[in-house]
Amino acid sequence: MSSDLNELTINYEEDGILLVKELDKEVLSKGAWTTILYRYQNWNKSKGEYSKDMYTIRRYQKREGEYYPKSKFNISSPEQAQKIIVALQKWISN
């Protein structure tokens, strides 16, 4: 694991191929419990190209100076992401 928040990533390489390519990240909260929203793509071996953009929210717990992954939620589609946005905007505006 990492002791530096900026070094946390979901990039994943196997046999010299970047299977999960992180495109961007937003730190949603910092502290003993850190939450990060990632935008990424998966490598599609059969097509020889990366997938469309995907999103995941990861929670990390910082213990003894190191960040440890604790939970994750994968947003399954742009449509689901849009529904999350709409619901949050509705709740926040009331």
PDB file of N, CA and C in Angstrom:
ATOM      1  N   MET A   1       0.835  -1.183   0.000  1.00  0.00           N
ATOM      2  CA  MET A   1       0.000   0.000   0.000  1.00  0.00           C
ATOM      3  C   MET A   1       0.878   1.244   0.000  1.00  0.00           C
ATOM      4  N   SER A   2       0.222   2.380   0.037  1.00  0.00           N
ATOM      5  CA  SER A   2       0.935   3.643  -0.070  1.00  0.00           C
ATOM      6  C   SER A   2       0.710   4.494   1.170  1.00  0.00           C
ATOM      7  N   SER A   3       1.686   5.315   1.460  1.00  0.00           N
ATOM      8  CA  SER A   3       1.542   6.270   2.553  1.00  0.00           C
ATOM      9  C   SER A   3       1.194   7.659   2.018  1.00  0.00           C
ATOM     10  N   ASP A   4       1.200   7.828   0.704  1.00  0.00           N
ATOM     11  CA  ASP A   4       0.919   9.116   0.062  1.00  0.00           C
ATOM     12  C   ASP A   4      -0.400   9.036  -0.699  1.00  0.00           C
ATOM     13  N   LEU A   5      -1.336   9.881  -0.340  1.00  0.00           N
ATOM     14  CA  LEU A   5      -2.652   9.904  -0.976  1.00  0.00           C
ATOM     15  C   LEU A   5      -2.548  10.059  -2.484  1.00  0.00           C
ATOM     16  N   ASN A   6      -1.614  10.862  -2.956  1.00  0.00           N
ATOM     17  CA  ASN A   6      -1.467  11.100  -4.390  1.00  0.00           C
ATOM     18  C   ASN A   6      -0.974   9.874  -5.158  1.00  0.00           C
ATOM     19  N   GLU A   7      -0.399   8.905  -4.465  1.00  0.00           N
ATOM     20  CA  GLU A   7       0.100   7.693  -5.110  1.00  0.00           C
ATOM     21  C   GLU A   7      -0.945   6.587  -5.207  1.00  0.00           C
ATOM     22  N   LEU A   8      -2.104   6.766  -4.564  1.00  0.00           N
ATOM     23  CA  LEU A   8      -3.156   5.760  -4.666  1.00  0.00           C
ATOM     24  C   LEU A   8      -3.670   5.723  -6.097  1.00  0.00           C
ATOM     25  N   THR A   9      -3.807   4.523  -6.642  1.00  0.00           N
ATOM     26  CA  THR A   9      -4.233   4.364  -8.028  1.00  0.00           C
ATOM     27  C   THR A   9      -4.970   3.042  -8.181  1.00  0.00           C
ATOM     28  N   ILE A  10      -5.752   2.948  -9.246  1.00  0.00           N
ATOM     29  CA  ILE A  10      -6.377   1.666  -9.578  1.00  0.00           C
ATOM     30  C   ILE A  10      -5.744   1.060 -10.822  1.00  0.00           C
ATOM     31  N   ASN A  11      -4.681   1.692 -11.339  1.00  0.00           N
ATOM     32  CA  ASN A  11      -3.956   1.085 -12.457  1.00  0.00           C
ATOM     33  C   ASN A  11      -3.580  -0.343 -12.080  1.00  0.00           C
ATOM     34  N   TYR A  12      -3.780  -1.265 -13.021  1.00  0.00           N
ATOM     35  CA  TYR A  12      -3.431  -2.661 -12.760  1.00  0.00           C
ATOM     36  C   TYR A  12      -2.807  -3.250 -14.015  1.00  0.00           C
ATOM     37  N   GLU A  13      -1.586  -3.740 -13.858  1.00  0.00           N
ATOM     38  CA  GLU A  13      -0.842  -4.302 -14.979  1.00  0.00           C
ATOM     39  C   GLU A  13      -0.571  -5.782 -14.736  1.00  0.00           C
ATOM     40  N   GLU A  14      -0.669  -6.566 -15.811  1.00  0.00           N
ATOM     41  CA  GLU A  14      -0.373  -7.995 -15.742  1.00  0.00           C
ATOM     42  C   GLU A  14       0.299  -8.400 -17.046  1.00  0.00           C
ATOM     43  N   ASP A  15       1.418  -9.074 -16.946  1.00  0.00           N
ATOM     44  CA  ASP A  15       2.182  -9.521 -18.115  1.00  0.00           C
ATOM     45  C   ASP A  15       2.503  -8.368 -19.069  1.00  0.00           C
ATOM     46  N   GLY A  16       2.806  -7.210 -18.498  1.00  0.00           N
ATOM     47  CA  GLY A  16       3.189  -6.048 -19.299  1.00  0.00           C
ATOM     48  C   GLY A  16       2.039  -5.319 -19.966  1.00  0.00           C
ATOM     49  N   ILE A  17       0.796  -5.727 -19.672  1.00  0.00           N
ATOM     50  CA  ILE A  17      -0.382  -5.077 -20.259  1.00  0.00           C
ATOM     51  C   ILE A  17      -1.137  -4.356 -19.149  1.00  0.00           C
ATOM     52  N   LEU A  18      -1.426  -3.084 -19.382  1.00  0.00           N
ATOM     53  CA  LEU A  18      -2.199  -2.300 -18.423  1.00  0.00           C
ATOM     54  C   LEU A  18      -3.669  -2.681 -18.581  1.00  0.00           C
ATOM     55  N   LEU A  19      -4.157  -3.545 -17.685  1.00  0.00           N
ATOM     56  CA  LEU A  19      -5.514  -4.079 -17.778  1.00  0.00           C
ATOM     57  C   LEU A  19      -6.561  -3.089 -17.271  1.00  0.00           C
ATOM     58  N   VAL A  20      -6.204  -2.316 -16.261  1.00  0.00           N
ATOM     59  CA  VAL A  20      -7.066  -1.250 -15.749  1.00  0.00           C
ATOM     60  C   VAL A  20      -6.279   0.040 -15.857  1.00  0.00           C
ATOM     61  N   LYS A  21      -6.785   0.973 -16.658  1.00  0.00           N
ATOM     62  CA  LYS A  21      -6.085   2.233 -16.902  1.00  0.00           C
ATOM     63  C   LYS A  21      -6.852   3.376 -16.237  1.00  0.00           C
ATOM     64  N   GLU A  22      -6.264   3.947 -15.188  1.00  0.00           N
ATOM     65  CA  GLU A  22      -6.865   5.088 -14.507  1.00  0.00           C
ATOM     66  C   GLU A  22      -6.739   6.318 -15.401  1.00  0.00           C
ATOM     67  N   LEU A  23      -7.861   6.997 -15.611  1.00  0.00           N
ATOM     68  CA  LEU A  23      -7.873   8.203 -16.441  1.00  0.00           C
ATOM     69  C   LEU A  23      -7.880   9.473 -15.602  1.00  0.00           C
ATOM     70  N   ASP A  24      -8.543   9.413 -14.457  1.00  0.00           N
ATOM     71  CA  ASP A  24      -8.654  10.599 -13.610  1.00  0.00           C
ATOM     72  C   ASP A  24      -9.122  10.149 -12.233  1.00  0.00           C
ATOM     73  N   LYS A  25      -8.959  11.020 -11.251  1.00  0.00           N
ATOM     74  CA  LYS A  25      -9.487  10.738  -9.927  1.00  0.00           C
ATOM     75  C   LYS A  25      -9.806  12.039  -9.220  1.00  0.00           C
ATOM     76  N   GLU A  26     -10.790  11.961  -8.344  1.00  0.00           N
ATOM     77  CA  GLU A  26     -11.197  13.085  -7.510  1.00  0.00           C
ATOM     78  C   GLU A  26     -11.232  12.593  -6.068  1.00  0.00           C
ATOM     79  N   VAL A  27     -10.509  13.271  -5.203  1.00  0.00           N
ATOM     80  CA  VAL A  27     -10.529  12.936  -3.783  1.00  0.00           C
ATOM     81  C   VAL A  27     -11.779  13.588  -3.199  1.00  0.00           C
ATOM     82  N   LEU A  28     -12.696  12.763  -2.695  1.00  0.00           N
ATOM     83  CA  LEU A  28     -13.957  13.264  -2.151  1.00  0.00           C
ATOM     84  C   LEU A  28     -13.849  13.594  -0.674  1.00  0.00           C
ATOM     85  N   SER A  29     -13.016  12.866   0.042  1.00  0.00           N
ATOM     86  CA  SER A  29     -12.780  13.163   1.455  1.00  0.00           C
ATOM     87  C   SER A  29     -11.407  12.640   1.846  1.00  0.00           C
ATOM     88  N   LYS A  30     -10.810  13.322   2.820  1.00  0.00           N
ATOM     89  CA  LYS A  30      -9.481  12.950   3.315  1.00  0.00           C
ATOM     90  C   LYS A  30      -9.576  12.705   4.812  1.00  0.00           C
ATOM     91  N   GLY A  31      -8.589  12.023   5.329  1.00  0.00           N
ATOM     92  CA  GLY A  31      -8.537  11.787   6.770  1.00  0.00           C
ATOM     93  C   GLY A  31      -8.285  10.324   7.053  1.00  0.00           C
ATOM     94  N   ALA A  32      -8.724   9.887   8.235  1.00  0.00           N
ATOM     95  CA  ALA A  32      -8.552   8.485   8.611  1.00  0.00           C
ATOM     96  C   ALA A  32      -9.284   7.577   7.626  1.00  0.00           C
ATOM     97  N   TRP A  33     -10.405   8.067   7.094  1.00  0.00           N
ATOM     98  CA  TRP A  33     -11.144   7.379   6.037  1.00  0.00           C
ATOM     99  C   TRP A  33     -11.148   8.294   4.830  1.00  0.00           C
ATOM    100  N   THR A  34     -10.574   7.832   3.742  1.00  0.00           N
ATOM    101  CA  THR A  34     -10.459   8.614   2.515  1.00  0.00           C
ATOM    102  C   THR A  34     -11.335   7.989   1.442  1.00  0.00           C
ATOM    103  N   THR A  35     -12.036   8.839   0.693  1.00  0.00           N
ATOM    104  CA  THR A  35     -12.905   8.378  -0.386  1.00  0.00           C
ATOM    105  C   THR A  35     -12.441   9.003  -1.685  1.00  0.00           C
ATOM    106  N   ILE A  36     -12.266   8.169  -2.718  1.00  0.00           N
ATOM    107  CA  ILE A  36     -11.788   8.648  -4.020  1.00  0.00           C
ATOM    108  C   ILE A  36     -12.712   8.120  -5.110  1.00  0.00           C
ATOM    109  N   LEU A  37     -13.078   9.010  -6.030  1.00  0.00           N
ATOM    110  CA  LEU A  37     -13.849   8.650  -7.216  1.00  0.00           C
ATOM    111  C   LEU A  37     -12.862   8.559  -8.376  1.00  0.00           C
ATOM    112  N   TYR A  38     -12.843   7.411  -9.043  1.00  0.00           N
ATOM    113  CA  TYR A  38     -11.926   7.179 -10.164  1.00  0.00           C
ATOM    114  C   TYR A  38     -12.708   7.058 -11.471  1.00  0.00           C
ATOM    115  N   ARG A  39     -12.107   7.560 -12.548  1.00  0.00           N
ATOM    116  CA  ARG A  39     -12.580   7.295 -13.911  1.00  0.00           C
ATOM    117  C   ARG A  39     -11.518   6.406 -14.543  1.00  0.00           C
ATOM    118  N   TYR A  40     -11.934   5.313 -15.192  1.00  0.00           N
ATOM    119  CA  TYR A  40     -10.970   4.340 -15.700  1.00  0.00           C
ATOM    120  C   TYR A  40     -11.514   3.619 -16.923  1.00  0.00           C
ATOM    121  N   GLN A  41     -10.649   2.817 -17.534  1.00  0.00           N
ATOM    122  CA  GLN A  41     -11.019   1.947 -18.643  1.00  0.00           C
ATOM    123  C   GLN A  41     -10.391   0.577 -18.418  1.00  0.00           C
ATOM    124  N   ASN A  42     -11.088  -0.465 -18.868  1.00  0.00           N
ATOM    125  CA  ASN A  42     -10.565  -1.831 -18.825  1.00  0.00           C
ATOM    126  C   ASN A  42     -10.062  -2.223 -20.212  1.00  0.00           C
ATOM    127  N   TRP A  43      -8.999  -3.003 -20.242  1.00  0.00           N
ATOM    128  CA  TRP A  43      -8.474  -3.520 -21.500  1.00  0.00           C
ATOM    129  C   TRP A  43      -9.336  -4.700 -21.954  1.00  0.00           C
ATOM    130  N   ASN A  44      -9.804  -4.633 -23.202  1.00  0.00           N
ATOM    131  CA  ASN A  44     -10.576  -5.721 -23.794  1.00  0.00           C
ATOM    132  C   ASN A  44      -9.638  -6.501 -24.703  1.00  0.00           C
ATOM    133  N   LYS A  45      -9.206  -7.655 -24.228  1.00  0.00           N
ATOM    134  CA  LYS A  45      -8.206  -8.449 -24.949  1.00  0.00           C
ATOM    135  C   LYS A  45      -8.704  -8.883 -26.319  1.00  0.00           C
ATOM    136  N   SER A  46      -9.962  -9.300 -26.408  1.00  0.00           N
ATOM    137  CA  SER A  46     -10.480  -9.803 -27.686  1.00  0.00           C
ATOM    138  C   SER A  46     -10.582  -8.705 -28.748  1.00  0.00           C
ATOM    139  N   LYS A  47     -10.877  -7.490 -28.339  1.00  0.00           N
ATOM    140  CA  LYS A  47     -10.980  -6.371 -29.281  1.00  0.00           C
ATOM    141  C   LYS A  47      -9.655  -5.637 -29.466  1.00  0.00           C
ATOM    142  N   GLY A  48      -8.739  -5.830 -28.510  1.00  0.00           N
ATOM    143  CA  GLY A  48      -7.461  -5.139 -28.573  1.00  0.00           C
ATOM    144  C   GLY A  48      -7.579  -3.643 -28.336  1.00  0.00           C
ATOM    145  N   GLU A  49      -8.535  -3.267 -27.478  1.00  0.00           N
ATOM    146  CA  GLU A  49      -8.734  -1.840 -27.181  1.00  0.00           C
ATOM    147  C   GLU A  49      -9.326  -1.687 -25.787  1.00  0.00           C
ATOM    148  N   TYR A  50      -9.298  -0.452 -25.307  1.00  0.00           N
ATOM    149  CA  TYR A  50      -9.862  -0.166 -23.990  1.00  0.00           C
ATOM    150  C   TYR A  50     -11.368   0.058 -24.093  1.00  0.00           C
ATOM    151  N   SER A  51     -12.042  -0.247 -23.011  1.00  0.00           N
ATOM    152  CA  SER A  51     -13.494  -0.076 -22.923  1.00  0.00           C
ATOM    153  C   SER A  51     -13.856   1.404 -22.876  1.00  0.00           C
ATOM    154  N   LYS A  52     -15.153   1.668 -22.882  1.00  0.00           N
ATOM    155  CA  LYS A  52     -15.618   3.035 -22.649  1.00  0.00           C
ATOM    156  C   LYS A  52     -15.283   3.401 -21.200  1.00  0.00           C
ATOM    157  N   ASP A  53     -15.385   4.672 -20.876  1.00  0.00           N
ATOM    158  CA  ASP A  53     -15.082   5.128 -19.514  1.00  0.00           C
ATOM    159  C   ASP A  53     -16.008   4.472 -18.513  1.00  0.00           C
ATOM    160  N   MET A  54     -15.419   4.120 -17.374  1.00  0.00           N
ATOM    161  CA  MET A  54     -16.156   3.524 -16.269  1.00  0.00           C
ATOM    162  C   MET A  54     -15.777   4.293 -15.005  1.00  0.00           C
ATOM    163  N   TYR A  55     -16.521   4.053 -13.922  1.00  0.00           N
ATOM    164  CA  TYR A  55     -16.327   4.829 -12.695  1.00  0.00           C
ATOM    165  C   TYR A  55     -16.397   3.907 -11.487  1.00  0.00           C
ATOM    166  N   THR A  56     -15.624   4.239 -10.471  1.00  0.00           N
ATOM    167  CA  THR A  56     -15.645   3.475  -9.232  1.00  0.00           C
ATOM    168  C   THR A  56     -15.349   4.410  -8.066  1.00  0.00           C
ATOM    169  N   ILE A  57     -15.969   4.136  -6.942  1.00  0.00           N
ATOM    170  CA  ILE A  57     -15.711   4.868  -5.702  1.00  0.00           C
ATOM    171  C   ILE A  57     -14.989   3.912  -4.774  1.00  0.00           C
ATOM    172  N   ARG A  58     -13.844   4.336  -4.269  1.00  0.00           N
ATOM    173  CA  ARG A  58     -13.034   3.490  -3.374  1.00  0.00           C
ATOM    174  C   ARG A  58     -12.865   4.184  -2.029  1.00  0.00           C
ATOM    175  N   ARG A  59     -12.946   3.385  -0.960  1.00  0.00           N
ATOM    176  CA  ARG A  59     -12.717   3.880   0.391  1.00  0.00           C
ATOM    177  C   ARG A  59     -11.439   3.244   0.925  1.00  0.00           C
ATOM    178  N   TYR A  60     -10.628   4.070   1.553  1.00  0.00           N
ATOM    179  CA  TYR A  60      -9.370   3.630   2.139  1.00  0.00           C
ATOM    180  C   TYR A  60      -9.349   4.031   3.606  1.00  0.00           C
ATOM    181  N   GLN A  61      -8.756   3.193   4.427  1.00  0.00           N
ATOM    182  CA  GLN A  61      -8.535   3.524   5.828  1.00  0.00           C
ATOM    183  C   GLN A  61      -7.043   3.738   6.029  1.00  0.00           C
ATOM    184  N   LYS A  62      -6.700   4.835   6.676  1.00  0.00           N
ATOM    185  CA  LYS A  62      -5.286   5.101   6.950  1.00  0.00           C
ATOM    186  C   LYS A  62      -4.965   4.600   8.353  1.00  0.00           C
ATOM    187  N   ARG A  63      -4.036   3.639   8.398  1.00  0.00           N
ATOM    188  CA  ARG A  63      -3.584   3.061   9.657  1.00  0.00           C
ATOM    189  C   ARG A  63      -2.067   3.046   9.660  1.00  0.00           C
ATOM    190  N   GLU A  64      -1.511   3.506  10.740  1.00  0.00           N
ATOM    191  CA  GLU A  64      -0.052   3.508  10.909  1.00  0.00           C
ATOM    192  C   GLU A  64       0.634   4.139   9.702  1.00  0.00           C
ATOM    193  N   GLY A  65       0.030   5.206   9.172  1.00  0.00           N
ATOM    194  CA  GLY A  65       0.630   5.964   8.081  1.00  0.00           C
ATOM    195  C   GLY A  65       0.436   5.385   6.691  1.00  0.00           C
ATOM    196  N   GLU A  66      -0.297   4.276   6.570  1.00  0.00           N
ATOM    197  CA  GLU A  66      -0.515   3.628   5.278  1.00  0.00           C
ATOM    198  C   GLU A  66      -2.011   3.583   4.953  1.00  0.00           C
ATOM    199  N   TYR A  67      -2.329   3.727   3.651  1.00  0.00           N
ATOM    200  CA  TYR A  67      -3.711   3.611   3.191  1.00  0.00           C
ATOM    201  C   TYR A  67      -4.005   2.162   2.810  1.00  0.00           C
ATOM    202  N   TYR A  68      -5.111   1.629   3.346  1.00  0.00           N
ATOM    203  CA  TYR A  68      -5.530   0.266   3.048  1.00  0.00           C
ATOM    204  C   TYR A  68      -6.912   0.293   2.416  1.00  0.00           C
ATOM    205  N   PRO A  69      -7.110  -0.411   1.290  1.00  0.00           N
ATOM    206  CA  PRO A  69      -8.437  -0.433   0.671  1.00  0.00           C
ATOM    207  C   PRO A  69      -9.430  -1.162   1.578  1.00  0.00           C
ATOM    208  N   LYS A  70     -10.622  -0.592   1.709  1.00  0.00           N
ATOM    209  CA  LYS A  70     -11.635  -1.192   2.582  1.00  0.00           C
ATOM    210  C   LYS A  70     -12.911  -1.539   1.835  1.00  0.00           C
ATOM    211  N   SER A  71     -13.314  -0.712   0.879  1.00  0.00           N
ATOM    212  CA  SER A  71     -14.536  -1.031   0.146  1.00  0.00           C
ATOM    213  C   SER A  71     -14.518  -0.324  -1.198  1.00  0.00           C
ATOM    214  N   LYS A  72     -15.394  -0.804  -2.096  1.00  0.00           N
ATOM    215  CA  LYS A  72     -15.491  -0.176  -3.407  1.00  0.00           C
ATOM    216  C   LYS A  72     -16.905  -0.337  -3.928  1.00  0.00           C
ATOM    217  N   PHE A  73     -17.282   0.598  -4.779  1.00  0.00           N
ATOM    218  CA  PHE A  73     -18.562   0.546  -5.467  1.00  0.00           C
ATOM    219  C   PHE A  73     -18.305   0.896  -6.918  1.00  0.00           C
ATOM    220  N   ASN A  74     -18.607  -0.032  -7.822  1.00  0.00           N
ATOM    221  CA  ASN A  74     -18.435   0.217  -9.248  1.00  0.00           C
ATOM    222  C   ASN A  74     -19.743   0.729  -9.826  1.00  0.00           C
ATOM    223  N   ILE A  75     -19.680   1.845 -10.515  1.00  0.00           N
ATOM    224  CA  ILE A  75     -20.834   2.399 -11.206  1.00  0.00           C
ATOM    225  C   ILE A  75     -20.883   1.701 -12.552  1.00  0.00           C
ATOM    226  N   SER A  76     -21.969   0.985 -12.811  1.00  0.00           N
ATOM    227  CA  SER A  76     -22.006   0.023 -13.904  1.00  0.00           C
ATOM    228  C   SER A  76     -22.174   0.621 -15.291  1.00  0.00           C
ATOM    229  N   SER A  77     -22.624   1.871 -15.385  1.00  0.00           N
ATOM    230  CA  SER A  77     -22.861   2.452 -16.710  1.00  0.00           C
ATOM    231  C   SER A  77     -22.979   3.968 -16.596  1.00  0.00           C
ATOM    232  N   PRO A  78     -22.826   4.672 -17.717  1.00  0.00           N
ATOM    233  CA  PRO A  78     -23.067   6.127 -17.692  1.00  0.00           C
ATOM    234  C   PRO A  78     -24.500   6.452 -17.259  1.00  0.00           C
ATOM    235  N   GLU A  79     -25.439   5.581 -17.607  1.00  0.00           N
ATOM    236  CA  GLU A  79     -26.835   5.801 -17.207  1.00  0.00           C
ATOM    237  C   GLU A  79     -26.990   5.742 -15.688  1.00  0.00           C
ATOM    238  N   GLN A  80     -26.330   4.774 -15.064  1.00  0.00           N
ATOM    239  CA  GLN A  80     -26.388   4.685 -13.614  1.00  0.00           C
ATOM    240  C   GLN A  80     -25.712   5.899 -12.978  1.00  0.00           C
ATOM    241  N   ALA A  81     -24.596   6.336 -13.548  1.00  0.00           N
ATOM    242  CA  ALA A  81     -23.914   7.533 -13.044  1.00  0.00           C
ATOM    243  C   ALA A  81     -24.844   8.740 -13.107  1.00  0.00           C
ATOM    244  N   GLN A  82     -25.562   8.871 -14.218  1.00  0.00           N
ATOM    245  CA  GLN A  82     -26.490   9.995 -14.380  1.00  0.00           C
ATOM    246  C   GLN A  82     -27.613   9.935 -13.347  1.00  0.00           C
ATOM    247  N   LYS A  83     -28.121   8.746 -13.060  1.00  0.00           N
ATOM    248  CA  LYS A  83     -29.170   8.601 -12.049  1.00  0.00           C
ATOM    249  C   LYS A  83     -28.661   8.984 -10.662  1.00  0.00           C
ATOM    250  N   ILE A  84     -27.423   8.634 -10.358  1.00  0.00           N
ATOM    251  CA  ILE A  84     -26.817   9.016  -9.074  1.00  0.00           C
ATOM    252  C   ILE A  84     -26.712  10.536  -8.992  1.00  0.00           C
ATOM    253  N   ILE A  85     -26.279  11.167 -10.076  1.00  0.00           N
ATOM    254  CA  ILE A  85     -26.156  12.628 -10.118  1.00  0.00           C
ATOM    255  C   ILE A  85     -27.512  13.285  -9.882  1.00  0.00           C
ATOM    256  N   VAL A  86     -28.533  12.816 -10.588  1.00  0.00           N
ATOM    257  CA  VAL A  86     -29.882  13.391 -10.465  1.00  0.00           C
ATOM    258  C   VAL A  86     -30.398  13.253  -9.032  1.00  0.00           C
ATOM    259  N   ALA A  87     -30.248  12.063  -8.444  1.00  0.00           N
ATOM    260  CA  ALA A  87     -30.729  11.842  -7.079  1.00  0.00           C
ATOM    261  C   ALA A  87     -30.011  12.749  -6.089  1.00  0.00           C
ATOM    262  N   LEU A  88     -28.702  12.854  -6.213  1.00  0.00           N
ATOM    263  CA  LEU A  88     -27.937  13.706  -5.293  1.00  0.00           C
ATOM    264  C   LEU A  88     -28.317  15.174  -5.455  1.00  0.00           C
ATOM    265  N   GLN A  89     -28.476  15.620  -6.703  1.00  0.00           N
ATOM    266  CA  GLN A  89     -28.877  17.015  -6.921  1.00  0.00           C
ATOM    267  C   GLN A  89     -30.247  17.297  -6.311  1.00  0.00           C
ATOM    268  N   LYS A  90     -31.157  16.350  -6.437  1.00  0.00           N
ATOM    269  CA  LYS A  90     -32.489  16.513  -5.855  1.00  0.00           C
ATOM    270  C   LYS A  90     -32.404  16.611  -4.331  1.00  0.00           C
ATOM    271  N   TRP A  91     -31.641  15.720  -3.725  1.00  0.00           N
ATOM    272  CA  TRP A  91     -31.539  15.717  -2.269  1.00  0.00           C
ATOM    273  C   TRP A  91     -30.833  16.954  -1.740  1.00  0.00           C
ATOM    274  N   ILE A  92     -29.796  17.387  -2.439  1.00  0.00           N
ATOM    275  CA  ILE A  92     -29.017  18.533  -1.969  1.00  0.00           C
ATOM    276  C   ILE A  92     -29.791  19.837  -2.117  1.00  0.00           C
ATOM    277  N   SER A  93     -30.593  19.949  -3.169  1.00  0.00           N
ATOM    278  CA  SER A  93     -31.306  21.204  -3.432  1.00  0.00           C
ATOM    279  C   SER A  93     -32.508  21.381  -2.495  1.00  0.00           C
ATOM    280  N   ASN A  94     -32.954  20.334  -1.816  1.00  0.00           N
ATOM    281  CA  ASN A  94     -34.104  20.449  -0.904  1.00  0.00           C
ATOM    282  C   ASN A  94     -33.687  20.817   0.490  1.00  0.00           C
TER     283      ASN A  94
END
